[in-house]
């Protein structure tokens, strides 16, 4: 892929434009699948796509930004480079023994609500995405959903996730 040449002052607006295109494509893709094949099919396919994309994105971020370490520090770095951190305004609270991600503005959910479609169930999709990210970083990391749609949540916060690290060398959670 060849990127066009930009002057420095053009680069940030172009990045914002591209990230918005990604968000819109994701949203219209989901709505299109939902309209053509139904809500359950859209949820199932969305979960499959984001499980794959979590792996692909993490591998590329690690390679492009030379992230070689493991553990929660590596996870925080990868999440900070994720386009979805920018799109949804992830708030990443990093401590020595845990990371809490809060998502106050979910672009996908806000767009659905604006169109009168209601929230969609994204908890399992994000769980699978986060598990695939963890598989690429450090299998000792554990993820816990504190709440995410379809769970009830505060009006100002769509979802909240907690990541910790196990002392056991070979831990990888069973998603069931």
N, C-alpha and C. Protein backbone atom coordinates (compact mmCIF):
# COMPACT_ATOMS: atom_id res chain seq x y z
N UNK A 1 0.86 -1.17 0.00
CA UNK A 1 0.00 0.00 0.00
C UNK A 1 0.90 1.23 0.00
N UNK A 2 0.56 2.18 -0.84
CA UNK A 2 1.33 3.41 -0.92
C UNK A 2 0.48 4.56 -0.41
N UNK A 3 0.96 5.24 0.60
CA UNK A 3 0.24 6.39 1.14
C UNK A 3 0.59 7.64 0.35
N UNK A 4 -0.40 8.51 0.17
CA UNK A 4 -0.09 9.78 -0.49
C UNK A 4 0.87 10.61 0.38
N UNK A 5 1.57 11.52 -0.24
CA UNK A 5 2.46 12.41 0.51
C UNK A 5 1.63 13.51 1.15
N UNK A 6 1.89 13.77 2.43
CA UNK A 6 1.15 14.79 3.15
C UNK A 6 2.12 15.82 3.73
N UNK A 7 1.63 17.03 3.82
CA UNK A 7 2.35 18.01 4.63
C UNK A 7 2.01 17.67 6.07
N UNK A 8 2.85 18.04 7.00
CA UNK A 8 2.64 17.72 8.42
C UNK A 8 1.26 18.13 8.92
N UNK A 9 0.80 19.30 8.52
CA UNK A 9 -0.49 19.79 9.01
C UNK A 9 -1.68 19.03 8.42
N UNK A 10 -1.44 18.22 7.38
CA UNK A 10 -2.51 17.43 6.77
C UNK A 10 -2.63 16.03 7.38
N UNK A 11 -1.58 15.59 8.04
CA UNK A 11 -1.53 14.21 8.49
C UNK A 11 -2.59 13.89 9.54
N UNK A 12 -2.72 14.69 10.58
CA UNK A 12 -3.71 14.40 11.62
C UNK A 12 -5.15 14.42 11.09
N UNK A 13 -5.55 15.43 10.29
CA UNK A 13 -6.91 15.36 9.72
C UNK A 13 -7.12 14.12 8.85
N UNK A 14 -6.07 13.70 8.14
CA UNK A 14 -6.22 12.50 7.31
C UNK A 14 -6.39 11.25 8.18
N UNK A 15 -5.63 11.15 9.25
CA UNK A 15 -5.77 10.01 10.16
C UNK A 15 -7.18 9.98 10.75
N UNK A 16 -7.66 11.14 11.19
CA UNK A 16 -9.02 11.21 11.74
C UNK A 16 -10.06 10.80 10.70
N UNK A 17 -9.87 11.24 9.47
CA UNK A 17 -10.77 10.86 8.38
C UNK A 17 -10.77 9.34 8.18
N UNK A 18 -9.58 8.74 8.13
CA UNK A 18 -9.48 7.30 7.91
C UNK A 18 -10.10 6.50 9.06
N UNK A 19 -9.87 6.93 10.27
CA UNK A 19 -10.44 6.24 11.42
C UNK A 19 -11.97 6.34 11.39
N UNK A 20 -12.49 7.50 11.00
CA UNK A 20 -13.94 7.64 10.88
C UNK A 20 -14.51 6.76 9.78
N UNK A 21 -13.76 6.58 8.69
CA UNK A 21 -14.20 5.68 7.63
C UNK A 21 -14.28 4.24 8.14
N UNK A 22 -13.30 3.84 8.94
CA UNK A 22 -13.31 2.51 9.55
C UNK A 22 -14.54 2.33 10.42
N UNK A 23 -14.82 3.31 11.26
CA UNK A 23 -15.98 3.24 12.16
C UNK A 23 -17.27 3.14 11.35
N UNK A 24 -17.41 3.98 10.35
CA UNK A 24 -18.64 3.98 9.54
C UNK A 24 -18.80 2.65 8.79
N UNK A 25 -17.72 2.16 8.22
CA UNK A 25 -17.78 0.88 7.50
C UNK A 25 -18.23 -0.23 8.44
N UNK A 26 -17.64 -0.28 9.64
CA UNK A 26 -18.03 -1.29 10.62
C UNK A 26 -19.51 -1.18 10.95
N UNK A 27 -20.00 0.02 11.18
CA UNK A 27 -21.40 0.21 11.55
C UNK A 27 -22.35 -0.16 10.43
N UNK A 28 -22.08 0.33 9.22
CA UNK A 28 -22.96 0.02 8.09
C UNK A 28 -22.89 -1.45 7.71
N UNK A 29 -21.71 -2.07 7.88
CA UNK A 29 -21.59 -3.50 7.62
C UNK A 29 -22.53 -4.28 8.56
N UNK A 30 -22.47 -3.96 9.86
CA UNK A 30 -23.30 -4.66 10.83
C UNK A 30 -24.78 -4.46 10.51
N UNK A 31 -25.18 -3.22 10.26
CA UNK A 31 -26.59 -2.93 9.97
C UNK A 31 -27.02 -3.65 8.69
N UNK A 32 -26.16 -3.69 7.68
CA UNK A 32 -26.49 -4.40 6.44
C UNK A 32 -26.70 -5.88 6.66
N UNK A 33 -25.81 -6.49 7.42
CA UNK A 33 -25.95 -7.92 7.73
C UNK A 33 -27.22 -8.15 8.55
N UNK A 34 -27.46 -7.28 9.51
CA UNK A 34 -28.66 -7.40 10.35
C UNK A 34 -29.93 -7.31 9.50
N UNK A 35 -29.99 -6.36 8.57
CA UNK A 35 -31.17 -6.20 7.73
C UNK A 35 -31.35 -7.38 6.77
N UNK A 36 -30.25 -7.90 6.25
CA UNK A 36 -30.34 -8.98 5.27
C UNK A 36 -30.57 -10.35 5.90
N UNK A 37 -29.93 -10.59 7.06
CA UNK A 37 -29.93 -11.94 7.61
C UNK A 37 -30.46 -12.04 9.04
N UNK A 38 -30.77 -10.90 9.64
CA UNK A 38 -31.31 -10.91 10.99
C UNK A 38 -30.28 -10.56 12.05
N UNK A 39 -30.80 -10.17 13.18
CA UNK A 39 -29.96 -9.73 14.30
C UNK A 39 -29.02 -10.83 14.78
N UNK A 40 -29.52 -12.03 14.99
CA UNK A 40 -28.68 -13.12 15.52
C UNK A 40 -27.52 -13.44 14.58
N UNK A 41 -27.76 -13.45 13.29
CA UNK A 41 -26.68 -13.71 12.33
C UNK A 41 -25.65 -12.59 12.37
N UNK A 42 -26.12 -11.35 12.46
CA UNK A 42 -25.19 -10.21 12.51
C UNK A 42 -24.32 -10.29 13.76
N UNK A 43 -24.91 -10.66 14.88
CA UNK A 43 -24.14 -10.79 16.13
C UNK A 43 -23.10 -11.90 15.98
N UNK A 44 -23.51 -13.05 15.47
CA UNK A 44 -22.60 -14.20 15.32
C UNK A 44 -21.43 -13.87 14.38
N UNK A 45 -21.73 -13.28 13.24
CA UNK A 45 -20.68 -12.94 12.28
C UNK A 45 -19.77 -11.86 12.85
N UNK A 46 -20.36 -10.89 13.52
CA UNK A 46 -19.57 -9.81 14.15
C UNK A 46 -18.58 -10.38 15.15
N UNK A 47 -19.03 -11.35 15.95
CA UNK A 47 -18.14 -11.98 16.93
C UNK A 47 -16.98 -12.68 16.23
N UNK A 48 -17.26 -13.39 15.15
CA UNK A 48 -16.21 -14.09 14.40
C UNK A 48 -15.20 -13.10 13.82
N UNK A 49 -15.70 -12.02 13.23
CA UNK A 49 -14.82 -11.02 12.61
C UNK A 49 -13.93 -10.38 13.66
N UNK A 50 -14.49 -9.98 14.78
CA UNK A 50 -13.68 -9.26 15.78
C UNK A 50 -12.71 -10.18 16.52
N UNK A 51 -13.04 -11.47 16.60
CA UNK A 51 -12.08 -12.41 17.16
C UNK A 51 -10.85 -12.46 16.25
N UNK A 52 -11.07 -12.55 14.95
CA UNK A 52 -9.96 -12.56 13.99
C UNK A 52 -9.21 -11.23 13.98
N UNK A 53 -9.97 -10.15 13.98
CA UNK A 53 -9.34 -8.83 13.89
C UNK A 53 -8.51 -8.52 15.13
N UNK A 54 -8.91 -9.01 16.29
CA UNK A 54 -8.11 -8.81 17.50
C UNK A 54 -6.71 -9.38 17.33
N UNK A 55 -6.64 -10.58 16.77
CA UNK A 55 -5.34 -11.23 16.51
C UNK A 55 -4.52 -10.44 15.49
N UNK A 56 -5.15 -10.13 14.37
CA UNK A 56 -4.45 -9.44 13.29
C UNK A 56 -3.96 -8.07 13.75
N UNK A 57 -4.84 -7.31 14.37
CA UNK A 57 -4.47 -5.98 14.84
C UNK A 57 -3.32 -6.04 15.83
N UNK A 58 -3.39 -6.97 16.77
CA UNK A 58 -2.35 -7.07 17.79
C UNK A 58 -1.01 -7.43 17.18
N UNK A 59 -1.00 -8.39 16.28
CA UNK A 59 0.25 -8.77 15.61
C UNK A 59 0.86 -7.58 14.88
N UNK A 60 0.03 -6.84 14.16
CA UNK A 60 0.54 -5.70 13.40
C UNK A 60 1.03 -4.58 14.31
N UNK A 61 0.30 -4.29 15.37
CA UNK A 61 0.73 -3.26 16.31
C UNK A 61 2.06 -3.64 16.94
N UNK A 62 2.15 -4.89 17.40
CA UNK A 62 3.41 -5.34 18.02
C UNK A 62 4.58 -5.18 17.05
N UNK A 63 4.37 -5.54 15.80
CA UNK A 63 5.44 -5.47 14.81
C UNK A 63 5.79 -4.01 14.47
N UNK A 64 4.79 -3.20 14.17
CA UNK A 64 5.04 -1.84 13.72
C UNK A 64 5.61 -0.94 14.82
N UNK A 65 5.27 -1.24 16.08
CA UNK A 65 5.70 -0.38 17.17
C UNK A 65 6.67 -1.09 18.11
N UNK A 66 7.23 -2.20 17.64
CA UNK A 66 8.29 -2.93 18.35
C UNK A 66 7.94 -3.23 19.81
N UNK A 67 6.76 -3.78 20.01
CA UNK A 67 6.34 -4.18 21.36
C UNK A 67 6.71 -5.64 21.53
N UNK A 68 7.72 -5.88 22.34
CA UNK A 68 8.22 -7.25 22.52
C UNK A 68 7.95 -7.79 23.92
N UNK A 69 7.72 -6.90 24.88
CA UNK A 69 7.52 -7.38 26.24
C UNK A 69 6.16 -8.06 26.37
N UNK A 70 5.92 -8.64 27.51
CA UNK A 70 4.67 -9.33 27.81
C UNK A 70 3.99 -8.61 28.98
N UNK A 71 2.88 -9.15 29.42
CA UNK A 71 2.21 -8.64 30.61
C UNK A 71 1.29 -7.46 30.34
N UNK A 72 0.85 -6.88 31.44
CA UNK A 72 -0.13 -5.79 31.36
C UNK A 72 0.42 -4.55 30.69
N UNK A 73 1.71 -4.28 30.84
CA UNK A 73 2.32 -3.11 30.18
C UNK A 73 2.21 -3.25 28.66
N UNK A 74 2.48 -4.44 28.16
CA UNK A 74 2.37 -4.68 26.71
C UNK A 74 0.92 -4.54 26.26
N UNK A 75 -0.02 -5.06 27.05
CA UNK A 75 -1.43 -4.93 26.71
C UNK A 75 -1.83 -3.46 26.64
N UNK A 76 -1.41 -2.67 27.61
CA UNK A 76 -1.75 -1.24 27.61
C UNK A 76 -1.19 -0.56 26.37
N UNK A 77 0.03 -0.90 25.99
CA UNK A 77 0.63 -0.30 24.78
C UNK A 77 -0.18 -0.66 23.54
N UNK A 78 -0.50 -1.93 23.40
CA UNK A 78 -1.27 -2.37 22.23
C UNK A 78 -2.62 -1.65 22.20
N UNK A 79 -3.29 -1.59 23.33
CA UNK A 79 -4.61 -0.94 23.36
C UNK A 79 -4.52 0.54 23.01
N UNK A 80 -3.45 1.19 23.41
CA UNK A 80 -3.29 2.62 23.10
C UNK A 80 -3.11 2.85 21.59
N UNK A 81 -2.56 1.89 20.88
CA UNK A 81 -2.40 2.01 19.43
C UNK A 81 -3.63 1.56 18.66
N UNK A 82 -4.57 0.92 19.31
CA UNK A 82 -5.76 0.42 18.62
C UNK A 82 -6.60 1.59 18.10
N UNK A 83 -7.05 1.50 16.84
CA UNK A 83 -7.91 2.58 16.33
C UNK A 83 -9.20 2.73 17.15
N UNK A 84 -9.64 1.63 17.76
CA UNK A 84 -10.89 1.70 18.53
C UNK A 84 -10.72 2.48 19.82
N UNK A 85 -9.49 2.61 20.30
CA UNK A 85 -9.26 3.47 21.46
C UNK A 85 -9.59 4.91 21.08
N UNK A 86 -9.20 5.32 19.89
CA UNK A 86 -9.51 6.66 19.42
C UNK A 86 -11.00 6.80 19.10
N UNK A 87 -11.55 5.82 18.40
CA UNK A 87 -12.95 5.89 17.97
C UNK A 87 -13.90 5.96 19.16
N UNK A 88 -13.68 5.10 20.14
CA UNK A 88 -14.61 5.01 21.28
C UNK A 88 -14.10 5.72 22.52
N UNK A 89 -12.96 6.36 22.42
CA UNK A 89 -12.46 7.12 23.57
C UNK A 89 -12.18 6.25 24.78
N UNK A 90 -11.56 5.07 24.54
CA UNK A 90 -11.22 4.19 25.66
C UNK A 90 -10.48 4.99 26.72
N UNK A 91 -10.89 4.85 27.94
CA UNK A 91 -10.15 5.39 29.07
C UNK A 91 -9.40 4.21 29.67
N UNK A 92 -8.07 4.27 29.65
CA UNK A 92 -7.24 3.16 30.11
C UNK A 92 -6.59 3.55 31.41
N UNK A 93 -7.04 2.91 32.49
CA UNK A 93 -6.49 3.17 33.82
C UNK A 93 -5.52 2.03 34.14
N UNK A 94 -4.25 2.34 34.05
CA UNK A 94 -3.21 1.32 34.19
C UNK A 94 -2.59 1.40 35.58
N UNK A 95 -2.64 0.25 36.26
CA UNK A 95 -1.99 0.12 37.57
C UNK A 95 -1.00 -1.04 37.48
N UNK A 96 -0.22 -1.26 38.53
CA UNK A 96 0.76 -2.35 38.51
C UNK A 96 0.12 -3.72 38.32
N UNK A 97 -1.04 -3.94 38.94
CA UNK A 97 -1.63 -5.28 38.94
C UNK A 97 -2.93 -5.41 38.15
N UNK A 98 -3.36 -4.32 37.48
CA UNK A 98 -4.58 -4.41 36.70
C UNK A 98 -4.68 -3.24 35.72
N UNK A 99 -5.49 -3.45 34.72
CA UNK A 99 -5.86 -2.39 33.79
C UNK A 99 -7.38 -2.37 33.76
N UNK A 100 -7.94 -1.18 33.88
CA UNK A 100 -9.39 -1.01 33.74
C UNK A 100 -9.62 -0.17 32.49
N UNK A 101 -10.44 -0.70 31.59
CA UNK A 101 -10.82 0.05 30.40
C UNK A 101 -12.28 0.44 30.56
N UNK A 102 -12.53 1.74 30.47
CA UNK A 102 -13.89 2.27 30.49
C UNK A 102 -14.18 2.88 29.12
N UNK A 103 -15.38 2.65 28.64
CA UNK A 103 -15.75 3.15 27.32
C UNK A 103 -16.99 4.04 27.46
N UNK A 104 -16.74 5.35 27.58
CA UNK A 104 -17.85 6.28 27.77
C UNK A 104 -18.62 6.59 26.50
N UNK A 105 -17.97 6.51 25.34
CA UNK A 105 -18.62 6.86 24.07
C UNK A 105 -18.40 5.75 23.06
N UNK A 106 -19.33 4.85 22.99
CA UNK A 106 -19.24 3.79 22.00
C UNK A 106 -19.90 4.28 20.72
N UNK A 107 -19.09 4.53 19.71
CA UNK A 107 -19.60 5.08 18.46
C UNK A 107 -20.67 4.18 17.85
N UNK A 108 -20.46 2.87 17.91
CA UNK A 108 -21.43 1.93 17.33
C UNK A 108 -22.76 2.00 18.07
N UNK A 109 -22.72 1.95 19.39
CA UNK A 109 -23.96 1.98 20.17
C UNK A 109 -24.65 3.34 20.03
N UNK A 110 -23.87 4.42 20.07
CA UNK A 110 -24.46 5.75 19.95
C UNK A 110 -25.15 5.94 18.60
N UNK A 111 -24.54 5.42 17.53
CA UNK A 111 -25.15 5.52 16.20
C UNK A 111 -26.46 4.74 16.14
N UNK A 112 -26.48 3.55 16.73
CA UNK A 112 -27.71 2.74 16.74
C UNK A 112 -28.80 3.46 17.53
N UNK A 113 -28.45 3.99 18.68
CA UNK A 113 -29.44 4.69 19.51
C UNK A 113 -29.99 5.92 18.77
N UNK A 114 -29.13 6.64 18.09
CA UNK A 114 -29.53 7.82 17.33
C UNK A 114 -30.54 7.45 16.24
N UNK A 115 -30.40 6.25 15.67
CA UNK A 115 -31.29 5.79 14.61
C UNK A 115 -32.50 5.01 15.15
N UNK A 116 -32.63 4.95 16.47
CA UNK A 116 -33.76 4.26 17.07
C UNK A 116 -33.67 2.75 16.99
N UNK A 117 -32.46 2.20 16.80
CA UNK A 117 -32.30 0.75 16.66
C UNK A 117 -32.07 0.04 18.00
N UNK A 118 -31.77 0.78 19.04
CA UNK A 118 -31.48 0.16 20.33
C UNK A 118 -30.07 -0.40 20.37
N UNK A 119 -29.59 -0.65 21.57
CA UNK A 119 -28.25 -1.20 21.73
C UNK A 119 -28.20 -2.64 21.22
N UNK A 120 -27.06 -3.02 20.72
CA UNK A 120 -26.87 -4.42 20.35
C UNK A 120 -25.98 -5.07 21.40
N UNK A 121 -26.08 -6.37 21.50
CA UNK A 121 -25.32 -7.13 22.48
C UNK A 121 -23.88 -7.29 21.99
N UNK A 122 -22.96 -6.55 22.61
CA UNK A 122 -21.56 -6.56 22.15
C UNK A 122 -20.63 -7.24 23.16
N UNK A 123 -21.14 -7.66 24.28
CA UNK A 123 -20.31 -8.23 25.35
C UNK A 123 -19.50 -9.43 24.88
N UNK A 124 -20.14 -10.41 24.26
CA UNK A 124 -19.43 -11.61 23.81
C UNK A 124 -18.44 -11.28 22.70
N UNK A 125 -18.80 -10.35 21.83
CA UNK A 125 -17.91 -9.94 20.74
C UNK A 125 -16.63 -9.34 21.32
N UNK A 126 -16.77 -8.42 22.26
CA UNK A 126 -15.59 -7.80 22.86
C UNK A 126 -14.79 -8.79 23.69
N UNK A 127 -15.49 -9.70 24.37
CA UNK A 127 -14.78 -10.71 25.15
C UNK A 127 -13.88 -11.54 24.21
N UNK A 128 -14.44 -11.99 23.09
CA UNK A 128 -13.66 -12.75 22.12
C UNK A 128 -12.52 -11.93 21.54
N UNK A 129 -12.78 -10.67 21.24
CA UNK A 129 -11.74 -9.79 20.73
C UNK A 129 -10.61 -9.64 21.74
N UNK A 130 -10.96 -9.36 22.99
CA UNK A 130 -9.94 -9.19 24.03
C UNK A 130 -9.17 -10.49 24.27
N UNK A 131 -9.86 -11.63 24.22
CA UNK A 131 -9.16 -12.91 24.39
C UNK A 131 -8.16 -13.13 23.26
N UNK A 132 -8.53 -12.77 22.04
CA UNK A 132 -7.60 -12.96 20.93
C UNK A 132 -6.42 -11.99 21.04
N UNK A 133 -6.63 -10.81 21.57
CA UNK A 133 -5.53 -9.87 21.82
C UNK A 133 -4.59 -10.46 22.87
N UNK A 134 -5.17 -10.98 23.94
CA UNK A 134 -4.39 -11.58 25.02
C UNK A 134 -3.55 -12.75 24.51
N UNK A 135 -4.12 -13.59 23.66
CA UNK A 135 -3.39 -14.74 23.11
C UNK A 135 -2.12 -14.29 22.40
N UNK A 136 -2.13 -13.11 21.83
CA UNK A 136 -0.98 -12.60 21.10
C UNK A 136 0.03 -11.87 21.99
N UNK A 137 -0.36 -11.55 23.21
CA UNK A 137 0.51 -10.78 24.10
C UNK A 137 1.06 -11.63 25.23
N UNK A 138 0.14 -12.21 26.02
CA UNK A 138 0.57 -12.95 27.21
C UNK A 138 -0.63 -13.74 27.72
N UNK A 139 -0.55 -15.05 27.64
CA UNK A 139 -1.66 -15.93 28.03
C UNK A 139 -1.96 -15.90 29.52
N UNK A 140 -1.11 -15.28 30.30
CA UNK A 140 -1.40 -15.16 31.75
C UNK A 140 -2.40 -14.05 32.04
N UNK A 141 -2.63 -13.17 31.08
CA UNK A 141 -3.58 -12.07 31.29
C UNK A 141 -4.99 -12.64 31.31
N UNK A 142 -5.77 -12.15 32.25
CA UNK A 142 -7.17 -12.55 32.36
C UNK A 142 -8.04 -11.32 32.18
N UNK A 143 -9.19 -11.52 31.55
CA UNK A 143 -10.11 -10.42 31.31
C UNK A 143 -11.43 -10.70 32.00
N UNK A 144 -12.00 -9.66 32.56
CA UNK A 144 -13.30 -9.75 33.23
C UNK A 144 -14.15 -8.59 32.75
N UNK A 145 -15.34 -8.91 32.28
CA UNK A 145 -16.28 -7.85 31.90
C UNK A 145 -17.02 -7.41 33.15
N UNK A 146 -16.87 -6.15 33.51
CA UNK A 146 -17.60 -5.60 34.65
C UNK A 146 -19.03 -5.28 34.23
N UNK A 147 -19.20 -4.77 33.02
CA UNK A 147 -20.51 -4.64 32.38
C UNK A 147 -20.32 -4.21 30.93
N UNK A 148 -21.24 -4.66 30.09
CA UNK A 148 -21.28 -4.29 28.67
C UNK A 148 -22.65 -4.71 28.15
N UNK A 149 -23.19 -3.99 27.18
CA UNK A 149 -24.48 -4.41 26.63
C UNK A 149 -24.44 -5.89 26.22
N UNK A 150 -25.41 -6.66 26.65
CA UNK A 150 -26.76 -6.27 27.04
C UNK A 150 -26.94 -5.96 28.53
N UNK A 151 -25.86 -5.94 29.31
CA UNK A 151 -25.97 -5.64 30.74
C UNK A 151 -26.47 -4.21 30.95
N UNK A 152 -27.18 -4.00 32.05
CA UNK A 152 -27.50 -2.61 32.42
C UNK A 152 -26.19 -1.86 32.67
N UNK A 153 -26.18 -0.58 32.35
CA UNK A 153 -24.97 0.22 32.55
C UNK A 153 -25.35 1.67 32.82
N UNK A 154 -24.44 2.41 33.44
CA UNK A 154 -24.72 3.83 33.66
C UNK A 154 -24.87 4.55 32.32
N UNK A 155 -25.64 5.60 32.29
CA UNK A 155 -25.88 6.34 31.05
C UNK A 155 -24.58 6.89 30.46
N UNK A 156 -23.64 7.25 31.31
CA UNK A 156 -22.39 7.88 30.86
C UNK A 156 -21.28 6.88 30.54
N UNK A 157 -21.59 5.58 30.61
CA UNK A 157 -20.55 4.58 30.39
C UNK A 157 -21.19 3.33 29.78
N UNK A 158 -20.73 2.94 28.59
CA UNK A 158 -21.30 1.77 27.91
C UNK A 158 -20.75 0.46 28.45
N UNK A 159 -19.43 0.41 28.65
CA UNK A 159 -18.88 -0.83 29.18
C UNK A 159 -17.60 -0.56 29.95
N UNK A 160 -17.24 -1.58 30.73
CA UNK A 160 -16.04 -1.49 31.57
C UNK A 160 -15.45 -2.89 31.67
N UNK A 161 -14.12 -2.97 31.47
CA UNK A 161 -13.41 -4.24 31.45
C UNK A 161 -12.22 -4.16 32.38
N UNK A 162 -11.92 -5.29 33.02
CA UNK A 162 -10.80 -5.37 33.95
C UNK A 162 -9.85 -6.47 33.47
N UNK A 163 -8.56 -6.14 33.41
CA UNK A 163 -7.52 -7.09 33.03
C UNK A 163 -6.55 -7.25 34.19
N UNK A 164 -6.25 -8.49 34.51
CA UNK A 164 -5.29 -8.80 35.56
C UNK A 164 -4.33 -9.85 35.01
N UNK A 165 -3.30 -10.13 35.78
CA UNK A 165 -2.34 -11.15 35.31
C UNK A 165 -2.21 -12.23 36.37
N UNK A 166 -2.24 -13.45 35.90
CA UNK A 166 -2.11 -14.60 36.79
C UNK A 166 -0.64 -14.89 37.04
N UNK A 167 -0.35 -15.44 38.19
CA UNK A 167 1.02 -15.87 38.50
C UNK A 167 1.33 -17.19 37.80
N UNK A 168 0.29 -17.92 37.41
CA UNK A 168 0.43 -19.20 36.71
C UNK A 168 0.95 -18.95 35.30
N UNK A 169 1.98 -19.63 34.88
CA UNK A 169 2.63 -19.41 33.59
C UNK A 169 1.74 -19.72 32.39
N UNK A 170 0.85 -20.69 32.48
CA UNK A 170 0.14 -21.15 31.29
C UNK A 170 -1.35 -20.89 31.31
N UNK A 171 -1.78 -19.84 31.95
CA UNK A 171 -3.22 -19.58 32.06
C UNK A 171 -3.75 -18.96 30.78
N UNK A 172 -4.82 -19.50 30.27
CA UNK A 172 -5.62 -18.85 29.24
C UNK A 172 -7.03 -19.26 29.55
N UNK A 173 -7.89 -18.26 29.77
CA UNK A 173 -9.25 -18.53 30.19
C UNK A 173 -10.02 -19.33 29.17
N UNK A 174 -10.90 -20.16 29.64
CA UNK A 174 -11.86 -20.84 28.80
C UNK A 174 -13.04 -19.89 28.66
N UNK A 175 -13.41 -19.52 27.43
CA UNK A 175 -14.47 -18.54 27.25
C UNK A 175 -15.85 -19.02 27.68
N UNK A 176 -16.00 -20.30 28.03
CA UNK A 176 -17.32 -20.79 28.44
C UNK A 176 -17.52 -20.61 29.92
